[in-house]
Amino acid sequence: MLTIEQALVDQIVAHARADHPDEACGVIAGPIGSDRPTRFVAMTNAERSPTFYRFDSMEQLKVWREMDDRDEEPVVIYHSHTATEAYPSRTDVSYASEPNAHYVLVSTRDADEVEFRSYRIIDGEVAEEDVTVVESYSQVK
């Protein structure tokens, strides 16, 4: 299950809407082993495509080094789908390389609705998980 603060959900959705009609992508880092996403990092979709995303390799290297320096890991890896449901495509599954991460997808196909879903993707297997949105992690035991 993914537990995430409302402010982070709002940032993901805002980034997805701002980059529409192209897919948006990014990471939310958190302390190693905590499973609590805390630091939002919007990244550049190097493909600039409405149907595909790829992190810019130099930006990804910089972000991952920054996480290492801060004793963080990618707790959430997110991207948007612009015309389809928020479900991982075959390409998304093939690129999922962080077994501890929550893979969040947001669909921007409907401007009036927010479709926000999370998955675990391990060894090509996709499992949707519940998402609990809280105002603050202090509300969670």
C-alpha atoms as a PDB file:
ATOM      1  CA  MET A   1       0.000   0.000   0.000  1.00  0.00           C
ATOM      2  CA  LEU A   2       1.183   3.510  -0.809  1.00  0.00           C
ATOM      3  CA  THR A   3       0.642   6.175   1.822  1.00  0.00           C
ATOM      4  CA  ILE A   4       1.288   9.644   0.440  1.00  0.00           C
ATOM      5  CA  GLU A   5       0.645  13.224   1.520  1.00  0.00           C
ATOM      6  CA  GLN A   6      -1.995  15.232  -0.340  1.00  0.00           C
ATOM      7  CA  ALA A   7       0.535  17.954  -1.214  1.00  0.00           C
ATOM      8  CA  LEU A   8       2.649  15.399  -3.109  1.00  0.00           C
ATOM      9  CA  VAL A   9      -0.393  14.047  -4.955  1.00  0.00           C
ATOM     10  CA  ASP A  10      -1.261  17.626  -5.907  1.00  0.00           C
ATOM     11  CA  GLN A  11       2.282  18.202  -7.240  1.00  0.00           C
ATOM     12  CA  ILE A  12       2.179  15.031  -9.357  1.00  0.00           C
ATOM     13  CA  VAL A  13      -1.224  15.917 -10.812  1.00  0.00           C
ATOM     14  CA  ALA A  14      -0.173  19.537 -11.468  1.00  0.00           C
ATOM     15  CA  HIS A  15       2.967  18.367 -13.274  1.00  0.00           C
ATOM     16  CA  ALA A  16       0.948  15.885 -15.346  1.00  0.00           C
ATOM     17  CA  ARG A  17      -1.571  18.565 -16.333  1.00  0.00           C
ATOM     18  CA  ALA A  18       1.147  21.135 -17.088  1.00  0.00           C
ATOM     19  CA  ASP A  19       3.014  18.790 -19.453  1.00  0.00           C
ATOM     20  CA  HIS A  20      -0.152  17.561 -21.209  1.00  0.00           C
ATOM     21  CA  PRO A  21      -0.412  16.642 -24.086  1.00  0.00           C
ATOM     22  CA  ASP A  22       3.030  15.084 -23.471  1.00  0.00           C
ATOM     23  CA  GLU A  23       3.594  12.551 -20.720  1.00  0.00           C
ATOM     24  CA  ALA A  24       5.098  13.947 -17.519  1.00  0.00           C
ATOM     25  CA  CYS A  25       7.495  11.996 -15.330  1.00  0.00           C
ATOM     26  CA  GLY A  26       9.402  12.262 -12.090  1.00  0.00           C
ATOM     27  CA  VAL A  27      10.362  10.799  -8.751  1.00  0.00           C
ATOM     28  CA  ILE A  28       9.470  11.303  -5.138  1.00  0.00           C
ATOM     29  CA  ALA A  29      12.438  10.418  -2.979  1.00  0.00           C
ATOM     30  CA  GLY A  30      12.330   9.369   0.643  1.00  0.00           C
ATOM     31  CA  PRO A  31      14.679   8.112   3.338  1.00  0.00           C
ATOM     32  CA  ILE A  32      16.081   4.658   2.596  1.00  0.00           C
ATOM     33  CA  GLY A  33      13.812   1.981   4.007  1.00  0.00           C
ATOM     34  CA  SER A  34      11.066   4.361   5.152  1.00  0.00           C
ATOM     35  CA  ASP A  35       8.515   3.824   2.339  1.00  0.00           C
ATOM     36  CA  ARG A  36       7.447   7.455   2.893  1.00  0.00           C
ATOM     37  CA  PRO A  37       7.829   9.670  -0.161  1.00  0.00           C
ATOM     38  CA  THR A  38       8.921  13.152   0.901  1.00  0.00           C
ATOM     39  CA  ARG A  39      10.928  15.045  -1.762  1.00  0.00           C
ATOM     40  CA  PHE A  40       9.202  15.767  -5.084  1.00  0.00           C
ATOM     41  CA  VAL A  41      11.476  15.835  -8.135  1.00  0.00           C
ATOM     42  CA  ALA A  42       9.812  16.688 -11.454  1.00  0.00           C
ATOM     43  CA  MET A  43      11.927  15.386 -14.302  1.00  0.00           C
ATOM     44  CA  THR A  44      12.130  16.026 -18.016  1.00  0.00           C
ATOM     45  CA  ASN A  45      10.519  13.595 -20.418  1.00  0.00           C
ATOM     46  CA  ALA A  46      13.403  13.243 -22.866  1.00  0.00           C
ATOM     47  CA  GLU A  47      10.988  11.860 -25.472  1.00  0.00           C
ATOM     48  CA  ARG A  48       8.589  14.833 -25.289  1.00  0.00           C
ATOM     49  CA  SER A  49       5.884  12.434 -26.406  1.00  0.00           C
ATOM     50  CA  PRO A  50       2.164  11.996 -25.692  1.00  0.00           C
ATOM     51  CA  THR A  51       2.595   8.196 -25.694  1.00  0.00           C
ATOM     52  CA  PHE A  52       5.991   7.473 -24.139  1.00  0.00           C
ATOM     53  CA  TYR A  53       8.300   8.755 -21.435  1.00  0.00           C
ATOM     54  CA  ARG A  54      11.978   8.351 -20.706  1.00  0.00           C
ATOM     55  CA  PHE A  55      14.026  10.143 -18.082  1.00  0.00           C
ATOM     56  CA  ASP A  56      16.818  12.272 -19.516  1.00  0.00           C
ATOM     57  CA  SER A  57      19.890  10.134 -18.755  1.00  0.00           C
ATOM     58  CA  MET A  58      22.065  12.992 -17.446  1.00  0.00           C
ATOM     59  CA  GLU A  59      19.249  14.339 -15.290  1.00  0.00           C
ATOM     60  CA  GLN A  60      18.546  10.848 -13.952  1.00  0.00           C
ATOM     61  CA  LEU A  61      22.205  10.351 -13.055  1.00  0.00           C
ATOM     62  CA  LYS A  62      22.204  13.685 -11.214  1.00  0.00           C
ATOM     63  CA  VAL A  63      18.974  12.895  -9.322  1.00  0.00           C
ATOM     64  CA  TRP A  64      20.082   9.380  -8.349  1.00  0.00           C
ATOM     65  CA  ARG A  65      23.459  10.718  -7.124  1.00  0.00           C
ATOM     66  CA  GLU A  66      21.615  13.377  -5.127  1.00  0.00           C
ATOM     67  CA  MET A  67      19.464  10.670  -3.542  1.00  0.00           C
ATOM     68  CA  ASP A  68      22.594   8.666  -2.675  1.00  0.00           C
ATOM     69  CA  ASP A  69      24.177  11.736  -1.067  1.00  0.00           C
ATOM     70  CA  ARG A  70      21.026  12.323   1.006  1.00  0.00           C
ATOM     71  CA  ASP A  71      20.536   8.645   2.000  1.00  0.00           C
ATOM     72  CA  GLU A  72      17.345   8.532  -0.047  1.00  0.00           C
ATOM     73  CA  GLU A  73      15.818   6.158  -2.537  1.00  0.00           C
ATOM     74  CA  PRO A  74      13.108   6.519  -5.205  1.00  0.00           C
ATOM     75  CA  VAL A  75       9.975   5.709  -3.205  1.00  0.00           C
ATOM     76  CA  VAL A  76       7.637   6.771  -6.030  1.00  0.00           C
ATOM     77  CA  ILE A  77       8.343   6.837  -9.744  1.00  0.00           C
ATOM     78  CA  TYR A  78       5.505   8.538 -11.551  1.00  0.00           C
ATOM     79  CA  HIS A  79       4.380   9.401 -15.018  1.00  0.00           C
ATOM     80  CA  SER A  80       1.199  10.320 -16.825  1.00  0.00           C
ATOM     81  CA  HIS A  81      -0.850   8.778 -19.582  1.00  0.00           C
ATOM     82  CA  THR A  82      -2.480  11.391 -21.767  1.00  0.00           C
ATOM     83  CA  ALA A  83      -5.155   9.410 -23.604  1.00  0.00           C
ATOM     84  CA  THR A  84      -5.502   6.118 -21.760  1.00  0.00           C
ATOM     85  CA  GLU A  85      -6.245   4.833 -18.287  1.00  0.00           C
ATOM     86  CA  ALA A  86      -3.657   4.981 -15.530  1.00  0.00           C
ATOM     87  CA  TYR A  87      -2.383   1.438 -16.051  1.00  0.00           C
ATOM     88  CA  PRO A  88       1.190   0.439 -16.952  1.00  0.00           C
ATOM     89  CA  SER A  89       1.834  -0.258 -20.622  1.00  0.00           C
ATOM     90  CA  ARG A  90       4.123  -3.076 -21.762  1.00  0.00           C
ATOM     91  CA  THR A  91       6.851  -0.467 -22.227  1.00  0.00           C
ATOM     92  CA  ASP A  92       6.301   0.882 -18.701  1.00  0.00           C
ATOM     93  CA  VAL A  93       6.633  -2.648 -17.318  1.00  0.00           C
ATOM     94  CA  SER A  94       9.804  -3.339 -19.309  1.00  0.00           C
ATOM     95  CA  TYR A  95      11.432  -0.141 -17.954  1.00  0.00           C
ATOM     96  CA  ALA A  96      10.440  -0.712 -14.308  1.00  0.00           C
ATOM     97  CA  SER A  97      13.830  -1.296 -12.696  1.00  0.00           C
ATOM     98  CA  GLU A  98      13.308  -0.232  -9.069  1.00  0.00           C
ATOM     99  CA  PRO A  99      11.749  -3.210  -7.237  1.00  0.00           C
ATOM    100  CA  ASN A 100      11.119  -1.193  -4.042  1.00  0.00           C
ATOM    101  CA  ALA A 101       9.397   1.705  -5.799  1.00  0.00           C
ATOM    102  CA  HIS A 102       5.704   2.464  -6.073  1.00  0.00           C
ATOM    103  CA  TYR A 103       4.925   3.157  -9.730  1.00  0.00           C
ATOM    104  CA  VAL A 104       2.272   5.871  -9.831  1.00  0.00           C
ATOM    105  CA  LEU A 105       0.316   6.667 -12.958  1.00  0.00           C
ATOM    106  CA  VAL A 106      -1.955   9.632 -13.519  1.00  0.00           C
ATOM    107  CA  SER A 107      -4.277   9.836 -16.490  1.00  0.00           C
ATOM    108  CA  THR A 108      -4.847  13.302 -17.943  1.00  0.00           C
ATOM    109  CA  ARG A 109      -7.331  12.081 -20.564  1.00  0.00           C
ATOM    110  CA  ASP A 110     -10.197  13.800 -18.695  1.00  0.00           C
ATOM    111  CA  ALA A 111      -9.551  17.386 -17.632  1.00  0.00           C
ATOM    112  CA  ASP A 112     -12.233  17.203 -14.928  1.00  0.00           C
ATOM    113  CA  GLU A 113     -11.249  13.918 -13.277  1.00  0.00           C
ATOM    114  CA  VAL A 114      -8.140  12.720 -11.492  1.00  0.00           C
ATOM    115  CA  GLU A 115      -7.233   9.102 -12.093  1.00  0.00           C
ATOM    116  CA  PHE A 116      -4.336   8.393  -9.697  1.00  0.00           C
ATOM    117  CA  ARG A 117      -3.245   4.765  -9.280  1.00  0.00           C
ATOM    118  CA  SER A 118      -0.218   2.970  -7.864  1.00  0.00           C
ATOM    119  CA  TYR A 119       1.436  -0.326  -8.756  1.00  0.00           C
ATOM    120  CA  ARG A 120       4.291  -2.552  -7.721  1.00  0.00           C
ATOM    121  CA  ILE A 121       6.153  -3.876 -10.751  1.00  0.00           C
ATOM    122  CA  ILE A 122       8.604  -6.650  -9.998  1.00  0.00           C
ATOM    123  CA  ASP A 123      10.135  -8.976 -12.592  1.00  0.00           C
ATOM    124  CA  GLY A 124       7.519  -7.963 -15.140  1.00  0.00           C
ATOM    125  CA  GLU A 125       4.595  -8.661 -12.808  1.00  0.00           C
ATOM    126  CA  VAL A 126       2.155  -5.779 -12.215  1.00  0.00           C
ATOM    127  CA  ALA A 127       0.166  -5.589  -8.984  1.00  0.00           C
ATOM    128  CA  GLU A 128      -2.105  -2.649  -8.297  1.00  0.00           C
ATOM    129  CA  GLU A 129      -2.013  -1.437  -4.702  1.00  0.00           C
ATOM    130  CA  ASP A 130      -4.244   0.705  -2.530  1.00  0.00           C
ATOM    131  CA  VAL A 131      -3.373   4.377  -2.132  1.00  0.00           C
ATOM    132  CA  THR A 132      -4.023   6.206   1.127  1.00  0.00           C
ATOM    133  CA  VAL A 133      -3.786   9.985   0.862  1.00  0.00           C
ATOM    134  CA  VAL A 134      -3.168  11.855   4.135  1.00  0.00           C
ATOM    135  CA  GLU A 135      -2.744  15.521   4.946  1.00  0.00           C
ATOM    136  CA  SER A 136       0.402  14.720   6.913  1.00  0.00           C
ATOM    137  CA  TYR A 137       2.381  11.597   7.787  1.00  0.00           C
ATOM    138  CA  SER A 138       1.960  12.597  11.427  1.00  0.00           C
ATOM    139  CA  GLN A 139      -1.637  11.326  11.051  1.00  0.00           C
ATOM    140  CA  VAL A 140      -0.322   7.816  10.338  1.00  0.00           C
ATOM    141  CA  LYS A 141       0.830   5.521  13.093  1.00  0.00           C
END
